[in-house]
Protein backbone atom coordinates (compact mmCIF):
# COMPACT_ATOMS: atom_id res chain seq x y z
CA MET A 1 -0.08 0.02 -0.01
CA ALA A 2 1.28 3.49 -0.89
CA GLU A 3 2.66 5.71 1.82
CA LYS A 4 0.39 8.51 2.74
CA ILE A 5 1.96 11.98 3.44
CA LEU A 6 0.01 14.84 4.94
CA THR A 7 0.78 18.44 5.83
CA GLY A 8 -1.36 21.49 6.54
CA ILE A 9 -0.55 25.25 6.77
CA LYS A 10 -2.63 27.73 8.82
CA PRO A 11 -3.81 30.85 6.89
CA THR A 12 -2.87 33.43 9.64
CA GLY A 13 -0.40 36.16 8.84
CA GLN A 14 1.77 36.42 5.78
CA LEU A 15 3.79 33.40 4.93
CA THR A 16 7.52 33.83 5.07
CA LEU A 17 10.72 32.57 3.28
CA GLY A 18 10.89 30.23 6.40
CA ASN A 19 7.63 28.59 5.46
CA TYR A 20 8.72 28.38 1.92
CA ILE A 21 12.08 26.73 2.74
CA GLY A 22 10.80 24.51 5.57
CA VAL A 23 7.60 23.21 3.88
CA LEU A 24 6.50 24.64 0.42
CA LYS A 25 9.67 24.14 -1.58
CA HIS A 26 9.80 20.43 -1.02
CA LEU A 27 6.25 19.33 -1.10
CA HIS A 28 6.04 18.57 -4.88
CA LYS A 29 8.95 16.00 -4.44
CA GLU A 30 6.83 13.90 -2.05
CA VAL A 31 4.61 12.58 -4.85
CA GLU A 32 7.30 10.06 -5.70
CA ARG A 33 6.92 8.54 -2.21
CA GLY A 34 3.15 8.01 -2.10
CA ASP A 35 -0.27 9.70 -1.84
CA CYS A 36 0.05 13.35 -0.75
CA TYR A 37 -2.70 15.27 1.13
CA TYR A 38 -1.98 19.00 1.50
CA PHE A 39 -4.53 21.29 3.09
CA ILE A 40 -5.21 24.85 4.23
CA ALA A 41 -5.98 24.71 7.99
CA ASP A 42 -8.64 27.43 8.04
CA LEU A 43 -10.51 26.01 11.03
CA HIS A 44 -7.30 26.23 13.01
CA ALA A 45 -7.16 29.96 12.07
CA LEU A 46 -10.33 30.65 14.07
CA THR A 47 -8.60 29.73 17.46
CA LEU A 48 -7.45 33.32 17.66
CA PRO A 49 -9.35 36.47 16.48
CA ILE A 50 -9.02 37.12 12.81
CA ASP A 51 -10.77 39.44 10.38
CA PRO A 52 -13.11 37.43 8.04
CA GLU A 53 -11.75 39.11 4.85
CA VAL A 54 -8.21 38.58 6.00
CA LEU A 55 -8.98 34.86 6.51
CA ARG A 56 -10.53 34.46 3.11
CA GLN A 57 -7.61 36.24 1.27
CA ASN A 58 -5.04 34.46 3.23
CA SER A 59 -6.71 31.12 2.23
CA ILE A 60 -6.79 32.17 -1.45
CA ASP A 61 -3.06 33.10 -1.19
CA LEU A 62 -2.09 29.84 0.48
CA ALA A 63 -3.89 27.79 -2.26
CA CYS A 64 -1.90 29.83 -4.83
CA PHE A 65 1.34 29.32 -2.92
CA TYR A 66 0.86 25.58 -2.75
CA LEU A 67 0.40 25.54 -6.57
CA ALA A 68 3.13 28.02 -7.33
CA ALA A 69 5.48 25.85 -5.39
CA GLY A 70 5.05 23.12 -8.03
CA LEU A 71 2.07 21.00 -6.72
CA ASP A 72 0.10 19.36 -9.52
CA PRO A 73 -3.53 19.22 -8.33
CA LYS A 74 -3.98 16.11 -10.39
CA LYS A 75 -1.30 14.18 -8.55
CA VAL A 76 -1.97 15.49 -5.00
CA THR A 77 -5.05 16.15 -2.96
CA LEU A 78 -5.24 19.75 -2.19
CA PHE A 79 -8.17 21.15 -0.05
CA LEU A 80 -9.58 23.41 2.47
CA GLN A 81 -9.99 21.81 5.92
CA SER A 82 -13.46 23.42 6.32
CA SER A 83 -14.55 21.76 3.00
CA VAL A 84 -14.27 18.31 4.62
CA SER A 85 -16.85 18.03 7.38
CA ALA A 86 -15.23 14.87 8.65
CA HIS A 87 -12.54 16.91 10.43
CA ALA A 88 -15.09 18.55 12.62
CA GLU A 89 -17.11 15.41 13.13
CA LEU A 90 -14.10 13.30 14.08
CA ASN A 91 -13.07 16.13 16.45
CA ALA A 92 -16.24 15.76 18.31
CA ILE A 93 -15.43 12.09 18.90
CA MET A 94 -11.66 12.29 19.62
CA GLN A 95 -11.85 15.14 22.14
CA ASN A 96 -12.95 12.30 24.52
CA TYR A 97 -9.63 10.45 24.14
CA LEU A 98 -7.17 13.22 24.86
CA TYR A 99 -6.98 14.78 28.35
CA MET A 100 -6.83 18.29 29.71
CA GLY A 101 -3.45 17.57 31.37
CA GLU A 102 -1.93 16.70 28.03
CA LEU A 103 -3.46 19.72 26.21
CA SER A 104 -2.31 22.02 28.96
CA ARG A 105 1.37 21.05 28.41
CA MET A 106 1.34 21.96 24.72
CA THR A 107 4.19 24.48 24.34
CA GLN A 108 2.30 26.50 21.70
CA PHE A 109 -0.79 26.77 23.85
CA LYS A 110 1.29 27.92 26.87
CA ASP A 111 3.10 30.48 24.72
CA LYS A 112 0.00 31.97 23.22
CA SER A 113 -2.25 31.87 26.23
CA SER A 114 0.45 33.48 28.41
CA LYS A 115 0.07 36.65 26.42
CA MET A 116 -3.75 36.66 26.83
CA LYS A 117 -6.32 37.37 29.69
CA GLU A 118 -7.57 34.00 30.96
CA SER A 119 -11.23 35.21 30.15
CA ALA A 120 -10.14 35.66 26.49
CA ILE A 121 -8.71 32.20 25.88
CA GLY A 122 -11.02 30.24 23.72
CA LEU A 123 -11.64 26.48 24.05
CA GLY A 124 -10.57 26.14 20.45
CA LEU A 125 -7.01 27.35 21.36
CA PHE A 126 -6.87 24.88 24.21
CA ALA A 127 -8.21 21.96 22.28
CA TYR A 128 -6.78 22.56 18.80
CA PRO A 129 -4.21 19.75 19.11
CA VAL A 130 -7.31 17.38 19.08
CA LEU A 131 -8.37 18.76 15.80
CA MET A 132 -4.80 18.61 14.49
CA ALA A 133 -4.71 14.87 15.49
CA CYS A 134 -7.99 14.33 13.54
CA ASP A 135 -6.42 16.07 10.50
CA ILE A 136 -3.67 13.49 10.54
CA VAL A 137 -5.52 10.34 11.31
CA LEU A 138 -8.34 10.94 8.91
CA TYR A 139 -6.08 10.13 5.88
CA ASP A 140 -4.22 7.21 7.43
CA ALA A 141 -1.14 9.39 6.94
CA SER A 142 2.21 7.81 8.24
CA ALA A 143 4.51 10.72 7.29
CA ILE A 144 3.85 14.22 8.60
CA PRO A 145 6.35 16.90 7.29
CA VAL A 146 6.33 19.60 9.89
CA GLY A 147 8.46 22.45 11.45
CA GLU A 148 10.26 21.60 14.65
CA ASP A 149 7.66 23.56 16.73
CA GLN A 150 5.08 21.06 15.58
CA ILE A 151 6.78 17.80 16.60
CA GLN A 152 5.08 17.84 20.02
CA HIS A 153 1.63 17.80 18.34
CA VAL A 154 2.53 14.86 16.17
CA GLU A 155 3.78 13.01 19.36
CA LEU A 156 0.50 13.67 20.98
CA THR A 157 -1.23 12.28 17.95
CA ARG A 158 0.83 9.15 18.31
CA ASP A 159 -0.28 8.89 22.01
CA LEU A 160 -3.95 9.20 20.71
CA VAL A 161 -3.57 6.41 18.21
CA ASN A 162 -1.89 4.07 20.76
CA ARG A 163 -4.64 4.86 23.30
CA PHE A 164 -7.49 4.41 20.72
CA ASN A 165 -6.08 1.31 19.11
CA ASN A 166 -5.36 -0.41 22.46
CA ARG A 167 -9.02 0.02 23.26
CA TYR A 168 -10.67 -0.64 20.03
CA GLY A 169 -8.32 -2.64 17.86
CA ASP A 170 -6.28 -1.68 14.80
CA ILE A 171 -8.41 1.33 13.68
CA LEU A 172 -5.96 4.23 13.24
CA VAL A 173 -2.66 4.43 11.41
CA MET A 174 0.46 5.61 13.37
CA PRO A 175 2.01 8.86 11.98
CA LYS A 176 5.48 10.06 12.33
CA ALA A 177 6.86 13.58 12.17
CA GLU A 178 9.47 14.48 9.43
CA VAL A 179 11.69 17.55 9.75
CA ARG A 180 14.02 18.51 6.95
CA LYS A 181 17.71 18.73 8.08
CA VAL A 182 18.64 21.74 5.99
CA GLY A 183 16.40 24.79 6.38
CA ALA A 184 14.16 23.23 9.02
CA ARG A 185 14.34 26.41 11.08
CA ILE A 186 14.97 29.79 9.44
CA MET A 187 15.50 32.66 11.78
CA SER A 188 14.63 36.35 11.82
CA LEU A 189 17.13 38.51 9.86
CA SER A 190 16.89 41.31 12.45
CA ASP A 191 17.24 38.86 15.48
CA PRO A 192 18.65 35.55 14.42
CA THR A 193 18.03 34.06 17.91
CA VAL A 194 14.31 33.83 17.19
CA LYS A 195 12.36 32.09 14.37
CA MET A 196 11.13 33.83 11.27
CA SER A 197 7.51 33.91 12.22
CA LYS A 198 5.12 36.20 10.32
CA SER A 199 5.32 39.05 12.86
CA ASP A 200 8.60 40.98 12.31
CA PRO A 201 8.37 43.26 9.22
CA LYS A 202 12.14 44.07 9.35
CA GLY A 203 13.33 40.54 10.08
CA ASP A 204 11.00 38.46 8.13
CA ILE A 205 10.98 37.91 4.30
CA PHE A 206 7.41 37.59 3.22
CA LEU A 207 6.50 35.62 0.14
CA LYS A 208 4.64 38.74 -1.25
CA ASP A 209 7.50 41.12 -0.62
CA ASP A 210 8.72 42.72 -3.81
CA LEU A 211 12.29 41.71 -4.87
CA LYS A 212 13.81 45.09 -4.02
CA THR A 213 12.41 44.77 -0.39
CA ILE A 214 13.75 41.25 -0.11
CA ARG A 215 17.26 42.26 -1.24
CA LYS A 216 17.31 45.25 1.10
CA LYS A 217 16.28 43.03 4.05
CA ILE A 218 19.05 40.53 3.43
CA MET A 219 21.62 43.18 2.89
CA SER A 220 20.63 44.68 6.25
CA ALA A 221 20.68 41.30 8.10
CA VAL A 222 22.25 41.25 11.52
CA THR A 223 25.65 39.42 11.41
CA ASP A 224 28.65 39.87 13.88
CA SER A 225 31.74 41.78 14.38
CA GLY A 226 33.91 39.02 12.82
CA CYS A 227 34.70 38.54 9.12
CA GLU A 228 34.67 34.74 8.54
CA VAL A 229 31.70 33.09 6.80
CA LYS A 230 31.31 30.15 9.12
CA PHE A 231 28.45 28.04 10.50
CA ASP A 232 28.44 28.63 14.30
CA GLN A 233 24.91 29.09 15.66
CA GLU A 234 26.14 30.13 19.13
CA ASN A 235 28.77 32.72 18.17
CA LYS A 236 27.53 33.53 14.53
CA PRO A 237 23.78 33.19 14.53
CA GLY A 238 23.24 35.75 11.80
CA ILE A 239 25.86 34.22 9.48
CA SER A 240 24.64 30.69 10.27
CA ASN A 241 21.08 31.72 9.34
CA LEU A 242 22.12 33.16 5.97
CA LEU A 243 24.21 30.02 5.32
CA THR A 244 21.09 27.94 6.13
CA ILE A 245 19.02 29.94 3.68
CA TYR A 246 21.59 29.69 0.97
CA ALA A 247 22.19 25.94 1.42
CA ALA A 248 18.43 25.19 1.41
CA LEU A 249 17.73 27.09 -1.73
CA LYS A 250 20.72 25.66 -3.61
CA ASP A 251 19.95 22.04 -2.31
CA ILE A 252 23.48 21.74 -0.96
CA SER A 253 24.85 20.97 2.54
CA ILE A 254 25.92 23.65 4.98
CA GLU A 255 29.52 22.33 4.69
CA GLU A 256 29.36 22.86 0.86
CA ALA A 257 27.97 26.44 1.38
CA GLU A 258 30.88 27.21 3.79
CA LYS A 259 33.55 26.11 1.31
CA GLU A 260 31.85 28.21 -1.36
CA PHE A 261 32.24 31.26 0.70
CA GLU A 262 35.79 30.85 2.04
CA GLY A 263 37.51 34.15 1.98
CA TYR A 264 34.33 36.10 1.23
CA ARG A 265 33.62 39.42 3.03
CA TYR A 266 30.25 39.79 4.59
CA GLY A 267 28.88 42.23 2.06
CA ASP A 268 29.71 39.93 -0.86
CA PHE A 269 28.27 36.89 1.04
CA LYS A 270 25.05 38.74 1.73
CA LYS A 271 24.89 39.80 -2.00
CA ALA A 272 25.25 36.21 -3.08
CA VAL A 273 22.52 35.11 -0.62
CA ALA A 274 20.26 37.87 -1.82
CA ASP A 275 20.82 36.83 -5.54
CA VAL A 276 19.77 33.26 -4.87
CA VAL A 277 16.73 34.22 -2.83
CA CYS A 278 15.54 36.81 -5.33
CA ALA A 279 16.07 34.43 -8.30
CA GLU A 280 13.93 31.84 -6.65
CA MET A 281 11.25 34.29 -5.31
CA GLU A 282 10.95 35.99 -8.80
CA ILE A 283 9.91 32.56 -10.46
CA PHE A 284 7.67 31.70 -7.45
CA GLN A 285 5.85 35.07 -7.40
CA ASN A 286 5.24 35.12 -11.15
CA LYS A 287 3.57 31.72 -10.81
CA TYR A 288 1.59 32.96 -7.87
CA ARG A 289 0.23 35.96 -9.76
CA GLU A 290 -0.71 33.85 -12.75
CA ILE A 291 -2.72 31.33 -10.60
CA LEU A 292 -4.36 34.18 -8.69
CA GLU A 293 -5.50 36.05 -11.88
CA THR A 294 -6.83 32.94 -13.62
CA LYS A 295 -8.37 31.64 -10.39
CA ALA A 296 -6.96 28.24 -11.20
CA TYR A 297 -6.93 27.60 -7.39
CA GLU A 298 -10.67 27.24 -7.28
CA GLU A 299 -10.89 24.08 -9.47
CA ALA A 300 -7.99 22.59 -7.60
CA LEU A 301 -9.72 23.06 -4.22
CA ARG A 302 -12.95 21.79 -5.43
CA GLU A 303 -11.59 18.64 -6.83
CA GLY A 304 -9.26 18.15 -3.89
CA ALA A 305 -12.02 18.45 -1.36
CA LYS A 306 -14.11 15.69 -3.27
CA ARG A 307 -11.10 13.26 -3.07
CA ALA A 308 -10.38 14.21 0.54
CA GLN A 309 -13.98 13.76 1.59
CA ALA A 310 -14.08 10.24 0.15
CA ILE A 311 -10.94 9.15 2.09
CA ALA A 312 -11.84 10.96 5.32
CA ASN A 313 -15.33 9.48 5.45
CA GLN A 314 -13.94 5.93 5.34
CA THR A 315 -11.72 6.73 8.38
CA LEU A 316 -14.73 8.33 10.16
CA LYS A 317 -16.91 5.43 9.48
CA ARG A 318 -14.37 2.97 10.98
CA VAL A 319 -14.04 5.15 14.12
CA LYS A 320 -17.79 5.57 14.53
CA ASN A 321 -18.32 1.80 14.25
CA ALA A 322 -15.49 1.12 16.67
CA VAL A 323 -16.91 3.44 19.40
CA GLY A 324 -20.47 2.19 19.08
CA LEU A 325 -22.15 4.96 17.11
CA LEU A 326 -25.21 3.56 15.35
CA ASP A 327 -24.78 3.74 11.54
CA ILE A 328 -28.02 3.80 9.59
CA GLU A 329 -27.49 4.43 5.90
């Protein structure tokens, strides 16, 4: 049986070069491995306040980004999470098999809720790892490409699968997180000790930034007082981040990138990084604009939702039968 690979991106904020390198750039290559399910996690976007028009536009942009990154909608299943009702229905069942103690230990929940008044923390924010687990198990996915910050959620899903299968038999497929070695974590250009994360206009390269802005941000990137282009995350976080970006876009190792820049001055090194980033982003942005203008994303999402619904409903039926929910067709 073909391996099933699944990943989703939440349409909140503008996507960055970090999202492109960590996820988007490599998704089309997964088709060779097995059946690919890629979705827009729009239900997850509701866990924090978001303007409806912003959510709609972000969802359109994300669909275009997926396709601009090389995904063929005939070879992969691309869909909106909210278009497949099985996600919400399975969530209503599985919330009974994950516990409040487990959910309260989720790092992302603790980080986000610590910045909010307790009275403003919605149930969805607390329980969204349940929905994320449902996203995964619905498609019998065994491989889950994620960023490092999402590994904890996949591990929680594994706990859920173990717990559910131990109780009801072999119902759900065990997933495993996959993180790329090069480019897994792209840092802010203005503060290379923190991740590039949609919220720092100076330090983040957004996928919709014009090429002039992208080049300016890279040339202004924080480095250090030295002069050697060397990967050293502790003492040279800025240089290390730029080397990571370069290596990831060129599909080479960090060591190969270091050798390439032996004897380079920082200014020349930054220019070389900017050239590579701008060359790739120009191609990507041209494809994005074409897909947006022709609305090619609409047919891709419609057909993807049909295929996703058919697969998800099979899993949902297995789960409903296992837990004793009466099935009258």
